[in-house]
Amino acid sequence: MEKLLQAGEERAATLKLINDACENWGFFEIVNHGISTELLDSVEKMTKMHYKKTMEERFKEMVATKGLEAVDNEIHDMDWETTFYLRHLPHSNISDIPDLQQDYRH
């Protein structure tokens, strides 16, 4: 990633590699970033707990509003993915995300 800060051919080559990865694979991995394994594991655990809680709440709301018969029919078409986007620059939006535990926000 440090090559993106440089001008010239190395920056252009790096951008080309990232573009290729995104277009052909849908993602790329950054290695040697210096983020501890412990922090990554902690964030993964909190993310899974947040999604589990959110899915349970959505299911309970559906049962309450539509009844079990409707839930059985809709369960096959229901989007179970919960997504939120965090940004930190230029201004953080983390306080706008509802239902995040304080540890997760930190």
C-alpha atoms as a PDB file:
ATOM      1  CA  MET A   1       0.000   0.000   0.000  1.00  0.00           C
ATOM      2  CA  GLU A   2       2.947   2.323   0.563  1.00  0.00           C
ATOM      3  CA  LYS A   3       3.529   2.296  -3.202  1.00  0.00           C
ATOM      4  CA  LEU A   4       0.207   4.112  -3.612  1.00  0.00           C
ATOM      5  CA  LEU A   5       1.731   7.098  -1.830  1.00  0.00           C
ATOM      6  CA  GLN A   6       4.519   7.322  -4.391  1.00  0.00           C
ATOM      7  CA  ALA A   7       4.208   8.934  -7.783  1.00  0.00           C
ATOM      8  CA  GLY A   8       5.183   7.248 -11.000  1.00  0.00           C
ATOM      9  CA  GLU A   9       5.280   3.765 -12.435  1.00  0.00           C
ATOM     10  CA  GLU A  10       5.203   1.827  -9.136  1.00  0.00           C
ATOM     11  CA  ARG A  11       1.986   3.581  -8.107  1.00  0.00           C
ATOM     12  CA  ALA A  12       0.384   2.925 -11.498  1.00  0.00           C
ATOM     13  CA  ALA A  13       1.427  -0.746 -11.404  1.00  0.00           C
ATOM     14  CA  THR A  14       0.024  -1.159  -7.892  1.00  0.00           C
ATOM     15  CA  LEU A  15      -3.286   0.444  -8.875  1.00  0.00           C
ATOM     16  CA  LYS A  16      -3.448  -1.871 -11.874  1.00  0.00           C
ATOM     17  CA  LEU A  17      -2.948  -4.926  -9.626  1.00  0.00           C
ATOM     18  CA  ILE A  18      -5.678  -3.778  -7.217  1.00  0.00           C
ATOM     19  CA  ASN A  19      -8.050  -3.054 -10.111  1.00  0.00           C
ATOM     20  CA  ASP A  20      -7.391  -6.491 -11.613  1.00  0.00           C
ATOM     21  CA  ALA A  21      -8.002  -8.211  -8.268  1.00  0.00           C
ATOM     22  CA  CYS A  22     -11.283  -6.363  -7.762  1.00  0.00           C
ATOM     23  CA  GLU A  23     -12.570  -6.963 -11.288  1.00  0.00           C
ATOM     24  CA  ASN A  24     -11.496 -10.595 -11.613  1.00  0.00           C
ATOM     25  CA  TRP A  25     -11.672 -11.879  -8.039  1.00  0.00           C
ATOM     26  CA  GLY A  26     -13.905  -9.422  -6.197  1.00  0.00           C
ATOM     27  CA  PHE A  27     -11.393  -8.769  -3.413  1.00  0.00           C
ATOM     28  CA  PHE A  28      -7.754  -8.440  -2.501  1.00  0.00           C
ATOM     29  CA  GLU A  29      -5.820  -9.146   0.680  1.00  0.00           C
ATOM     30  CA  ILE A  30      -3.449  -6.815   2.427  1.00  0.00           C
ATOM     31  CA  VAL A  31      -0.653  -8.604   4.291  1.00  0.00           C
ATOM     32  CA  ASN A  32       2.016  -7.292   6.648  1.00  0.00           C
ATOM     33  CA  HIS A  33      -0.321  -4.492   7.748  1.00  0.00           C
ATOM     34  CA  GLY A  34       0.752  -4.564  11.389  1.00  0.00           C
ATOM     35  CA  ILE A  35      -2.719  -5.155  12.857  1.00  0.00           C
ATOM     36  CA  SER A  36      -2.454  -7.743  15.622  1.00  0.00           C
ATOM     37  CA  THR A  37      -4.072 -11.153  15.273  1.00  0.00           C
ATOM     38  CA  GLU A  38      -5.703 -10.605  18.672  1.00  0.00           C
ATOM     39  CA  LEU A  39      -7.459  -7.439  17.480  1.00  0.00           C
ATOM     40  CA  LEU A  40      -8.594  -9.093  14.237  1.00  0.00           C
ATOM     41  CA  ASP A  41      -9.949 -12.099  16.190  1.00  0.00           C
ATOM     42  CA  SER A  42     -11.749  -9.796  18.615  1.00  0.00           C
ATOM     43  CA  VAL A  43     -13.383  -7.790  15.808  1.00  0.00           C
ATOM     44  CA  GLU A  44     -14.438 -11.009  14.062  1.00  0.00           C
ATOM     45  CA  LYS A  45     -16.019 -12.334  17.279  1.00  0.00           C
ATOM     46  CA  MET A  46     -17.894  -9.066  17.940  1.00  0.00           C
ATOM     47  CA  THR A  47     -19.079  -8.934  14.316  1.00  0.00           C
ATOM     48  CA  LYS A  48     -20.488 -12.460  14.514  1.00  0.00           C
ATOM     49  CA  MET A  49     -22.225 -11.635  17.813  1.00  0.00           C
ATOM     50  CA  HIS A  50     -23.702  -8.437  16.313  1.00  0.00           C
ATOM     51  CA  TYR A  51     -25.024 -10.275  13.230  1.00  0.00           C
ATOM     52  CA  LYS A  52     -26.491 -13.075  15.360  1.00  0.00           C
ATOM     53  CA  LYS A  53     -28.303 -10.564  17.556  1.00  0.00           C
ATOM     54  CA  THR A  54     -29.557  -8.615  14.533  1.00  0.00           C
ATOM     55  CA  MET A  55     -30.822 -11.751  12.791  1.00  0.00           C
ATOM     56  CA  GLU A  56     -32.665 -12.897  15.923  1.00  0.00           C
ATOM     57  CA  GLU A  57     -34.311  -9.484  16.296  1.00  0.00           C
ATOM     58  CA  ARG A  58     -35.385  -9.434  12.634  1.00  0.00           C
ATOM     59  CA  PHE A  59     -36.856 -12.923  12.977  1.00  0.00           C
ATOM     60  CA  LYS A  60     -38.792 -11.986  16.131  1.00  0.00           C
ATOM     61  CA  GLU A  61     -40.141  -8.835  14.453  1.00  0.00           C
ATOM     62  CA  MET A  62     -41.314 -10.848  11.454  1.00  0.00           C
ATOM     63  CA  VAL A  63     -43.052 -13.390  13.670  1.00  0.00           C
ATOM     64  CA  ALA A  64     -44.731 -10.614  15.664  1.00  0.00           C
ATOM     65  CA  THR A  65     -45.979  -8.733  12.599  1.00  0.00           C
ATOM     66  CA  LYS A  66     -46.801 -11.570  10.195  1.00  0.00           C
ATOM     67  CA  GLY A  67     -47.229 -14.716  12.251  1.00  0.00           C
ATOM     68  CA  LEU A  68     -45.475 -18.039  11.896  1.00  0.00           C
ATOM     69  CA  GLU A  69     -47.357 -19.068   8.750  1.00  0.00           C
ATOM     70  CA  ALA A  70     -46.064 -16.046   6.827  1.00  0.00           C
ATOM     71  CA  VAL A  71     -42.566 -16.518   8.219  1.00  0.00           C
ATOM     72  CA  ASP A  72     -42.441 -20.073   6.897  1.00  0.00           C
ATOM     73  CA  ASN A  73     -43.295 -18.799   3.393  1.00  0.00           C
ATOM     74  CA  GLU A  74     -40.877 -15.858   3.505  1.00  0.00           C
ATOM     75  CA  ILE A  75     -37.936 -17.624   5.080  1.00  0.00           C
ATOM     76  CA  HIS A  76     -36.742 -18.859   1.688  1.00  0.00           C
ATOM     77  CA  ASP A  77     -36.692 -15.360   0.174  1.00  0.00           C
ATOM     78  CA  MET A  78     -35.489 -13.430   3.200  1.00  0.00           C
ATOM     79  CA  ASP A  79     -32.237 -11.518   2.993  1.00  0.00           C
ATOM     80  CA  TRP A  80     -30.376 -12.589   6.115  1.00  0.00           C
ATOM     81  CA  GLU A  81     -27.393 -10.363   5.452  1.00  0.00           C
ATOM     82  CA  THR A  82     -26.930  -7.364   7.677  1.00  0.00           C
ATOM     83  CA  THR A  83     -24.479  -4.799   6.443  1.00  0.00           C
ATOM     84  CA  PHE A  84     -23.171  -1.519   7.703  1.00  0.00           C
ATOM     85  CA  TYR A  85     -20.384   0.691   6.453  1.00  0.00           C
ATOM     86  CA  LEU A  86     -17.887   2.361   8.725  1.00  0.00           C
ATOM     87  CA  ARG A  87     -15.786   5.263   7.631  1.00  0.00           C
ATOM     88  CA  HIS A  88     -13.290   7.190   9.675  1.00  0.00           C
ATOM     89  CA  LEU A  89     -12.022   9.846   7.296  1.00  0.00           C
ATOM     90  CA  PRO A  90     -12.724  12.627   6.853  1.00  0.00           C
ATOM     91  CA  HIS A  91     -15.427  12.160   9.527  1.00  0.00           C
ATOM     92  CA  SER A  92     -16.343   8.993  11.386  1.00  0.00           C
ATOM     93  CA  ASN A  93     -19.910   7.692  11.163  1.00  0.00           C
ATOM     94  CA  ILE A  94     -19.567   5.083  13.914  1.00  0.00           C
ATOM     95  CA  SER A  95     -21.892   6.979  16.257  1.00  0.00           C
ATOM     96  CA  ASP A  96     -24.619   6.740  13.584  1.00  0.00           C
ATOM     97  CA  ILE A  97     -24.634   2.926  13.606  1.00  0.00           C
ATOM     98  CA  PRO A  98     -27.346   1.732  16.008  1.00  0.00           C
ATOM     99  CA  ASP A  99     -27.045  -1.187  18.391  1.00  0.00           C
ATOM    100  CA  LEU A 100     -23.249  -1.507  18.443  1.00  0.00           C
ATOM    101  CA  GLN A 101     -21.731  -2.404  21.773  1.00  0.00           C
ATOM    102  CA  GLN A 102     -19.234   0.081  23.162  1.00  0.00           C
ATOM    103  CA  ASP A 103     -16.377  -2.444  22.860  1.00  0.00           C
ATOM    104  CA  TYR A 104     -17.241  -2.894  19.199  1.00  0.00           C
ATOM    105  CA  ARG A 105     -17.250   0.873  18.614  1.00  0.00           C
ATOM    106  CA  HIS A 106     -13.827   1.098  20.247  1.00  0.00           C
END
